[in-house]
Amino acid sequence: MKKTWIVVADSAHARIFTAKTPTSPLEEIKDEVDIPATFREKELVTDEPGRHANDSRMGVHAYEPEHTKHETEAVRFAKALAEELNKAFHLRKFEQLVLVAPPKFLGHLRESLHGPVLRAVSLQCEEDLVKETAEEIRRHLPEYLPQL
């Protein structure tokens, strides 16, 4: 069997597993928590939004950023995780990859993975399972992990 990594993540937590055979239990090899991403929005933003007056002199309005600080942290964490996976693939630590994450985070993660790593993805599961046990995560995956 090709060396397979199973990455189970959300916007603040990533766990990496491996499996010896397509049907074997998962073995956790890494557990990483992004502390800033676990904070509530108001803990990430220390002051009120900026204010500006519009040109028509109709009044002052609060500036609302396009993305919340929490979303920005999730994107940053996805990029950091993707960079770690890109390096690991280059170092031949795995040959194929299984990604398990909520849809939005999975999209952020895929945006930052290099082409060869994306081609190594043999399965994607759009579920939030990062807090589940290894046994419960394995139950959500096919009986036989796919082989590229």
N, C-alpha and C. Protein backbone atom coordinates (compact mmCIF):
# COMPACT_ATOMS: atom_id res chain seq x y z
N MET A 1 0.83 -1.18 0.00
CA MET A 1 0.00 0.00 0.00
C MET A 1 0.88 1.24 0.00
N LYS A 2 0.47 2.23 -0.77
CA LYS A 2 1.19 3.50 -0.78
C LYS A 2 1.07 4.15 0.59
N LYS A 3 2.12 4.86 0.98
CA LYS A 3 2.10 5.58 2.26
C LYS A 3 1.01 6.65 2.18
N THR A 4 0.01 6.53 3.05
CA THR A 4 -1.16 7.39 3.03
C THR A 4 -1.24 8.22 4.30
N TRP A 5 -1.53 9.51 4.15
CA TRP A 5 -1.84 10.38 5.28
C TRP A 5 -3.32 10.73 5.20
N ILE A 6 -3.98 10.70 6.32
CA ILE A 6 -5.37 11.13 6.44
C ILE A 6 -5.36 12.39 7.29
N VAL A 7 -5.73 13.52 6.69
CA VAL A 7 -5.73 14.80 7.38
C VAL A 7 -7.17 15.14 7.75
N VAL A 8 -7.41 15.30 9.04
CA VAL A 8 -8.73 15.64 9.56
C VAL A 8 -8.57 17.01 10.22
N ALA A 9 -9.30 18.02 9.71
CA ALA A 9 -9.06 19.38 10.18
C ALA A 9 -10.33 20.22 10.18
N ASP A 10 -10.24 21.32 10.91
CA ASP A 10 -11.23 22.39 10.83
C ASP A 10 -10.46 23.70 10.88
N SER A 11 -11.12 24.81 11.09
CA SER A 11 -10.46 26.11 11.01
C SER A 11 -9.45 26.37 12.11
N ALA A 12 -9.36 25.51 13.12
CA ALA A 12 -8.45 25.75 14.23
C ALA A 12 -7.68 24.52 14.71
N HIS A 13 -7.95 23.36 14.11
CA HIS A 13 -7.39 22.12 14.63
C HIS A 13 -7.11 21.17 13.47
N ALA A 14 -5.93 20.57 13.48
CA ALA A 14 -5.59 19.59 12.44
C ALA A 14 -4.97 18.36 13.08
N ARG A 15 -5.42 17.21 12.62
CA ARG A 15 -4.87 15.93 13.07
C ARG A 15 -4.46 15.15 11.83
N ILE A 16 -3.32 14.50 11.92
CA ILE A 16 -2.82 13.70 10.80
C ILE A 16 -2.70 12.26 11.26
N PHE A 17 -3.26 11.38 10.45
CA PHE A 17 -3.26 9.95 10.73
C PHE A 17 -2.59 9.22 9.57
N THR A 18 -2.23 7.99 9.81
CA THR A 18 -1.77 7.10 8.76
C THR A 18 -2.47 5.76 8.96
N ALA A 19 -2.43 4.93 7.94
CA ALA A 19 -3.00 3.57 8.02
C ALA A 19 -2.04 2.63 7.32
N LYS A 20 -1.76 1.50 7.94
CA LYS A 20 -0.79 0.56 7.37
C LYS A 20 -1.33 -0.18 6.15
N THR A 21 -2.63 -0.47 6.18
CA THR A 21 -3.26 -1.16 5.04
C THR A 21 -4.56 -0.41 4.71
N PRO A 22 -5.17 -0.68 3.56
CA PRO A 22 -6.42 0.00 3.21
C PRO A 22 -7.57 -0.24 4.18
N THR A 23 -7.49 -1.29 5.01
CA THR A 23 -8.58 -1.59 5.94
C THR A 23 -8.18 -1.42 7.42
N SER A 24 -6.95 -1.05 7.68
CA SER A 24 -6.48 -1.00 9.07
C SER A 24 -6.98 0.24 9.81
N PRO A 25 -6.91 0.19 11.14
CA PRO A 25 -7.30 1.35 11.95
C PRO A 25 -6.35 2.53 11.69
N LEU A 26 -6.80 3.72 12.05
CA LEU A 26 -5.98 4.92 11.89
C LEU A 26 -5.01 5.06 13.06
N GLU A 27 -3.80 5.49 12.76
CA GLU A 27 -2.79 5.77 13.78
C GLU A 27 -2.48 7.26 13.70
N GLU A 28 -2.69 7.97 14.80
CA GLU A 28 -2.44 9.41 14.82
C GLU A 28 -0.95 9.70 14.89
N ILE A 29 -0.46 10.56 13.99
CA ILE A 29 0.95 10.92 14.01
C ILE A 29 1.18 12.39 14.36
N LYS A 30 0.11 13.20 14.31
CA LYS A 30 0.26 14.61 14.66
C LYS A 30 -1.08 15.19 15.07
N ASP A 31 -1.04 16.09 16.05
CA ASP A 31 -2.24 16.79 16.53
C ASP A 31 -1.81 18.24 16.76
N GLU A 32 -2.39 19.16 16.01
CA GLU A 32 -1.98 20.56 16.07
C GLU A 32 -3.19 21.47 16.24
N VAL A 33 -3.10 22.37 17.20
CA VAL A 33 -4.17 23.34 17.43
C VAL A 33 -3.62 24.73 17.18
N ASP A 34 -4.35 25.53 16.41
CA ASP A 34 -3.99 26.92 16.15
C ASP A 34 -4.69 27.78 17.21
N ILE A 35 -3.97 28.16 18.24
CA ILE A 35 -4.57 28.84 19.39
C ILE A 35 -5.35 30.11 19.00
N PRO A 36 -4.79 31.03 18.20
CA PRO A 36 -5.58 32.24 17.87
C PRO A 36 -6.91 31.93 17.17
N ALA A 37 -6.94 30.88 16.38
CA ALA A 37 -8.17 30.54 15.66
C ALA A 37 -9.25 29.99 16.59
N THR A 38 -8.88 29.61 17.81
CA THR A 38 -9.89 29.10 18.74
C THR A 38 -10.57 30.22 19.53
N PHE A 39 -10.02 31.43 19.44
CA PHE A 39 -10.62 32.56 20.16
C PHE A 39 -11.94 32.98 19.53
N ARG A 40 -12.82 33.54 20.34
CA ARG A 40 -14.05 34.12 19.81
C ARG A 40 -13.70 35.41 19.06
N GLU A 41 -14.56 35.82 18.16
CA GLU A 41 -14.32 37.00 17.33
C GLU A 41 -13.97 38.23 18.18
N LYS A 42 -14.71 38.47 19.25
CA LYS A 42 -14.46 39.68 20.04
C LYS A 42 -13.12 39.62 20.77
N GLU A 43 -12.56 38.42 20.95
CA GLU A 43 -11.24 38.30 21.55
C GLU A 43 -10.13 38.57 20.54
N LEU A 44 -10.44 38.40 19.25
CA LEU A 44 -9.46 38.65 18.20
C LEU A 44 -9.41 40.12 17.78
N VAL A 45 -10.52 40.83 17.96
CA VAL A 45 -10.61 42.23 17.56
C VAL A 45 -10.61 43.06 18.83
N THR A 46 -9.62 43.94 18.96
CA THR A 46 -9.46 44.65 20.21
C THR A 46 -10.18 45.98 20.28
N ASP A 47 -10.55 46.56 19.16
CA ASP A 47 -11.25 47.84 19.22
C ASP A 47 -12.36 47.90 18.18
N GLU A 48 -13.14 48.95 18.24
CA GLU A 48 -14.29 49.12 17.36
C GLU A 48 -13.84 49.33 15.91
N PRO A 49 -14.73 49.06 14.95
CA PRO A 49 -14.39 49.31 13.55
C PRO A 49 -14.11 50.79 13.34
N GLY A 50 -13.26 51.09 12.36
CA GLY A 50 -12.98 52.49 12.01
C GLY A 50 -14.23 53.17 11.50
N ARG A 51 -14.21 54.49 11.46
CA ARG A 51 -15.36 55.24 10.99
C ARG A 51 -14.92 56.15 9.85
N HIS A 52 -15.85 56.42 8.95
CA HIS A 52 -15.55 57.34 7.87
C HIS A 52 -16.81 58.12 7.50
N ALA A 53 -16.62 59.32 7.00
CA ALA A 53 -17.74 60.12 6.53
C ALA A 53 -17.82 59.94 5.02
N ASN A 54 -19.04 59.77 4.51
CA ASN A 54 -19.14 59.61 3.06
C ASN A 54 -19.11 60.98 2.39
N ASP A 55 -18.89 61.01 1.09
CA ASP A 55 -18.73 62.25 0.35
C ASP A 55 -19.97 63.12 0.33
N SER A 56 -21.13 62.54 0.50
CA SER A 56 -22.36 63.32 0.41
C SER A 56 -22.72 64.00 1.73
N ARG A 57 -21.85 63.88 2.71
CA ARG A 57 -22.06 64.50 4.02
C ARG A 57 -23.34 64.00 4.71
N MET A 58 -23.71 62.75 4.42
CA MET A 58 -24.92 62.18 5.00
C MET A 58 -24.68 61.61 6.39
N GLY A 59 -23.47 61.59 6.83
CA GLY A 59 -23.22 61.09 8.16
C GLY A 59 -21.98 60.22 8.23
N VAL A 60 -21.71 59.73 9.41
CA VAL A 60 -20.54 58.90 9.66
C VAL A 60 -21.01 57.44 9.74
N HIS A 61 -20.25 56.55 9.12
CA HIS A 61 -20.60 55.13 9.08
C HIS A 61 -19.45 54.30 9.61
N ALA A 62 -19.78 53.21 10.25
CA ALA A 62 -18.76 52.28 10.73
C ALA A 62 -18.23 51.48 9.55
N TYR A 63 -16.94 51.30 9.51
CA TYR A 63 -16.30 50.49 8.48
C TYR A 63 -16.41 49.03 8.88
N GLU A 64 -16.95 48.21 8.00
CA GLU A 64 -17.04 46.78 8.24
C GLU A 64 -16.06 46.08 7.31
N PRO A 65 -15.11 45.32 7.85
CA PRO A 65 -14.17 44.61 6.99
C PRO A 65 -14.88 43.56 6.14
N GLU A 66 -14.27 43.25 5.00
CA GLU A 66 -14.86 42.26 4.09
C GLU A 66 -14.91 40.87 4.72
N HIS A 67 -13.89 40.54 5.50
CA HIS A 67 -13.82 39.24 6.18
C HIS A 67 -13.66 39.47 7.67
N THR A 68 -14.25 38.60 8.46
CA THR A 68 -14.07 38.71 9.90
C THR A 68 -12.65 38.25 10.25
N LYS A 69 -12.20 38.63 11.41
CA LYS A 69 -10.87 38.21 11.87
C LYS A 69 -10.83 36.68 12.01
N HIS A 70 -11.95 36.10 12.40
CA HIS A 70 -12.02 34.63 12.54
C HIS A 70 -11.81 33.96 11.18
N GLU A 71 -12.44 34.49 10.13
CA GLU A 71 -12.26 33.93 8.78
C GLU A 71 -10.82 34.10 8.32
N THR A 72 -10.24 35.27 8.63
CA THR A 72 -8.85 35.52 8.26
C THR A 72 -7.92 34.52 8.94
N GLU A 73 -8.16 34.22 10.22
CA GLU A 73 -7.37 33.23 10.95
C GLU A 73 -7.52 31.85 10.33
N ALA A 74 -8.74 31.50 9.91
CA ALA A 74 -8.98 30.18 9.30
C ALA A 74 -8.20 30.05 8.00
N VAL A 75 -8.19 31.10 7.19
CA VAL A 75 -7.44 31.07 5.93
C VAL A 75 -5.94 30.95 6.21
N ARG A 76 -5.46 31.70 7.21
CA ARG A 76 -4.04 31.64 7.58
C ARG A 76 -3.67 30.23 8.04
N PHE A 77 -4.53 29.61 8.85
CA PHE A 77 -4.27 28.26 9.34
C PHE A 77 -4.29 27.26 8.18
N ALA A 78 -5.22 27.41 7.25
CA ALA A 78 -5.27 26.52 6.08
C ALA A 78 -3.99 26.64 5.26
N LYS A 79 -3.50 27.86 5.07
CA LYS A 79 -2.25 28.06 4.32
C LYS A 79 -1.07 27.41 5.03
N ALA A 80 -1.02 27.55 6.35
CA ALA A 80 0.08 26.95 7.11
C ALA A 80 0.03 25.42 7.04
N LEU A 81 -1.17 24.87 7.16
CA LEU A 81 -1.33 23.41 7.06
C LEU A 81 -0.97 22.93 5.66
N ALA A 82 -1.41 23.65 4.64
CA ALA A 82 -1.09 23.28 3.26
C ALA A 82 0.42 23.33 3.02
N GLU A 83 1.08 24.33 3.56
CA GLU A 83 2.53 24.42 3.40
C GLU A 83 3.23 23.23 4.05
N GLU A 84 2.74 22.83 5.21
CA GLU A 84 3.29 21.66 5.89
C GLU A 84 3.08 20.40 5.04
N LEU A 85 1.91 20.26 4.45
CA LEU A 85 1.63 19.10 3.58
C LEU A 85 2.46 19.15 2.31
N ASN A 86 2.62 20.33 1.72
CA ASN A 86 3.45 20.48 0.52
C ASN A 86 4.88 20.03 0.80
N LYS A 87 5.44 20.47 1.94
CA LYS A 87 6.81 20.08 2.31
C LYS A 87 6.91 18.58 2.58
N ALA A 88 5.95 18.04 3.31
CA ALA A 88 5.97 16.61 3.63
C ALA A 88 5.90 15.76 2.37
N PHE A 89 5.08 16.18 1.40
CA PHE A 89 4.99 15.44 0.14
C PHE A 89 6.32 15.49 -0.60
N HIS A 90 6.93 16.66 -0.63
CA HIS A 90 8.22 16.83 -1.29
C HIS A 90 9.29 15.94 -0.63
N LEU A 91 9.19 15.77 0.69
CA LEU A 91 10.13 14.92 1.42
C LEU A 91 9.73 13.44 1.40
N ARG A 92 8.68 13.11 0.63
CA ARG A 92 8.19 11.74 0.44
C ARG A 92 7.71 11.08 1.75
N LYS A 93 7.12 11.90 2.61
CA LYS A 93 6.56 11.35 3.85
C LYS A 93 5.23 10.65 3.59
N PHE A 94 4.58 11.00 2.48
CA PHE A 94 3.36 10.30 2.06
C PHE A 94 3.28 10.33 0.54
N GLU A 95 2.52 9.37 -0.01
CA GLU A 95 2.33 9.28 -1.45
C GLU A 95 0.91 9.64 -1.86
N GLN A 96 -0.03 9.40 -0.95
CA GLN A 96 -1.41 9.78 -1.22
C GLN A 96 -2.02 10.38 0.02
N LEU A 97 -3.09 11.16 -0.19
CA LEU A 97 -3.65 11.97 0.86
C LEU A 97 -5.17 11.83 0.89
N VAL A 98 -5.72 11.75 2.08
CA VAL A 98 -7.17 11.77 2.30
C VAL A 98 -7.44 13.03 3.12
N LEU A 99 -8.37 13.85 2.65
CA LEU A 99 -8.71 15.10 3.33
C LEU A 99 -10.11 15.01 3.90
N VAL A 100 -10.24 15.34 5.20
CA VAL A 100 -11.53 15.34 5.89
C VAL A 100 -11.65 16.69 6.59
N ALA A 101 -12.60 17.51 6.15
CA ALA A 101 -12.77 18.84 6.73
C ALA A 101 -14.12 19.41 6.33
N PRO A 102 -14.61 20.40 7.08
CA PRO A 102 -15.84 21.07 6.67
C PRO A 102 -15.63 21.72 5.29
N PRO A 103 -16.68 21.85 4.49
CA PRO A 103 -16.54 22.34 3.12
C PRO A 103 -15.75 23.64 2.96
N LYS A 104 -16.04 24.63 3.76
CA LYS A 104 -15.37 25.94 3.61
C LYS A 104 -13.87 25.81 3.89
N PHE A 105 -13.52 25.13 4.96
CA PHE A 105 -12.10 24.97 5.28
C PHE A 105 -11.40 24.10 4.24
N LEU A 106 -12.08 23.08 3.76
CA LEU A 106 -11.51 22.21 2.73
C LEU A 106 -11.17 23.04 1.49
N GLY A 107 -12.04 23.98 1.14
CA GLY A 107 -11.77 24.87 0.00
C GLY A 107 -10.54 25.72 0.23
N HIS A 108 -10.41 26.31 1.43
CA HIS A 108 -9.23 27.12 1.75
C HIS A 108 -7.97 26.27 1.67
N LEU A 109 -8.03 25.06 2.18
CA LEU A 109 -6.88 24.16 2.18
C LEU A 109 -6.47 23.80 0.76
N ARG A 110 -7.43 23.41 -0.06
CA ARG A 110 -7.14 23.02 -1.45
C ARG A 110 -6.53 24.17 -2.25
N GLU A 111 -6.96 25.40 -1.96
CA GLU A 111 -6.42 26.57 -2.67
C GLU A 111 -4.91 26.72 -2.47
N SER A 112 -4.40 26.25 -1.34
CA SER A 112 -2.98 26.43 -1.02
C SER A 112 -2.12 25.20 -1.26
N LEU A 113 -2.72 24.08 -1.65
CA LEU A 113 -1.94 22.88 -1.94
C LEU A 113 -1.34 22.97 -3.33
N HIS A 114 -0.10 22.55 -3.47
CA HIS A 114 0.56 22.53 -4.78
C HIS A 114 -0.06 21.45 -5.67
N GLY A 115 0.10 21.60 -6.98
CA GLY A 115 -0.47 20.66 -7.95
C GLY A 115 -0.17 19.20 -7.67
N PRO A 116 1.10 18.83 -7.44
CA PRO A 116 1.40 17.42 -7.17
C PRO A 116 0.69 16.88 -5.93
N VAL A 117 0.52 17.72 -4.92
CA VAL A 117 -0.16 17.29 -3.69
C VAL A 117 -1.65 17.12 -3.98
N LEU A 118 -2.22 18.04 -4.74
CA LEU A 118 -3.65 17.91 -5.12
C LEU A 118 -3.89 16.62 -5.90
N ARG A 119 -2.95 16.27 -6.75
CA ARG A 119 -3.09 15.03 -7.53
C ARG A 119 -2.95 13.80 -6.65
N ALA A 120 -2.32 13.95 -5.48
CA ALA A 120 -2.16 12.83 -4.55
C ALA A 120 -3.39 12.62 -3.68
N VAL A 121 -4.37 13.52 -3.76
CA VAL A 121 -5.59 13.38 -2.97
C VAL A 121 -6.44 12.25 -3.56
N SER A 122 -6.62 11.20 -2.78
CA SER A 122 -7.39 10.05 -3.26
C SER A 122 -8.84 10.07 -2.78
N LEU A 123 -9.12 10.87 -1.75
CA LEU A 123 -10.48 10.94 -1.20
C LEU A 123 -10.65 12.24 -0.43
N GLN A 124 -11.83 12.84 -0.56
CA GLN A 124 -12.20 14.01 0.23
C GLN A 124 -13.51 13.71 0.94
N CYS A 125 -13.60 14.12 2.16
CA CYS A 125 -14.82 13.93 2.95
C CYS A 125 -15.16 15.28 3.58
N GLU A 126 -16.29 15.84 3.20
CA GLU A 126 -16.69 17.16 3.68
C GLU A 126 -17.49 17.05 4.98
N GLU A 127 -16.78 16.69 6.05
CA GLU A 127 -17.41 16.55 7.36
C GLU A 127 -16.49 17.13 8.42
N ASP A 128 -17.07 17.58 9.52
CA ASP A 128 -16.31 18.11 10.64
C ASP A 128 -16.13 17.00 11.67
N LEU A 129 -15.01 16.29 11.59
CA LEU A 129 -14.77 15.12 12.45
C LEU A 129 -13.55 15.29 13.34
N VAL A 130 -12.96 16.47 13.38
CA VAL A 130 -11.69 16.65 14.07
C VAL A 130 -11.75 16.32 15.56
N LYS A 131 -12.91 16.43 16.19
CA LYS A 131 -13.03 16.15 17.62
C LYS A 131 -13.41 14.69 17.90
N GLU A 132 -13.60 13.90 16.87
CA GLU A 132 -13.98 12.50 17.02
C GLU A 132 -12.75 11.65 17.33
N THR A 133 -12.99 10.45 17.86
CA THR A 133 -11.88 9.51 18.09
C THR A 133 -11.41 8.95 16.75
N ALA A 134 -10.23 8.36 16.76
CA ALA A 134 -9.71 7.75 15.54
C ALA A 134 -10.65 6.67 15.02
N GLU A 135 -11.24 5.91 15.92
CA GLU A 135 -12.17 4.85 15.52
C GLU A 135 -13.42 5.42 14.85
N GLU A 136 -13.94 6.51 15.41
CA GLU A 136 -15.13 7.13 14.82
C GLU A 136 -14.82 7.75 13.46
N ILE A 137 -13.65 8.36 13.33
CA ILE A 137 -13.24 8.93 12.04
C ILE A 137 -13.14 7.80 11.01
N ARG A 138 -12.54 6.68 11.40
CA ARG A 138 -12.36 5.56 10.47
C ARG A 138 -13.71 5.05 9.97
N ARG A 139 -14.73 5.08 10.83
CA ARG A 139 -16.07 4.63 10.43
C ARG A 139 -16.69 5.51 9.35
N HIS A 140 -16.26 6.75 9.25
CA HIS A 140 -16.79 7.66 8.23
C HIS A 140 -16.09 7.50 6.89
N LEU A 141 -15.00 6.76 6.87
CA LEU A 141 -14.25 6.55 5.65
C LEU A 141 -14.66 5.21 5.03
N PRO A 142 -14.39 5.01 3.74
CA PRO A 142 -14.73 3.73 3.12
C PRO A 142 -14.01 2.57 3.82
N GLU A 143 -14.62 1.39 3.75
CA GLU A 143 -14.00 0.21 4.36
C GLU A 143 -12.59 0.01 3.83
N TYR A 144 -12.41 0.19 2.51
CA TYR A 144 -11.11 0.11 1.88
C TYR A 144 -10.70 1.51 1.46
N LEU A 145 -9.61 2.02 2.04
CA LEU A 145 -9.14 3.34 1.63
C LEU A 145 -8.74 3.27 0.16
N PRO A 146 -9.10 4.26 -0.62
CA PRO A 146 -8.80 4.21 -2.05
C PRO A 146 -7.30 4.28 -2.31
N GLN A 147 -6.88 3.65 -3.40
CA GLN A 147 -5.50 3.66 -3.84
C GLN A 147 -5.39 4.38 -5.17
N LEU A 148 -4.43 5.26 -5.29
CA LEU A 148 -4.21 5.95 -6.57
C LEU A 148 -3.41 5.08 -7.51
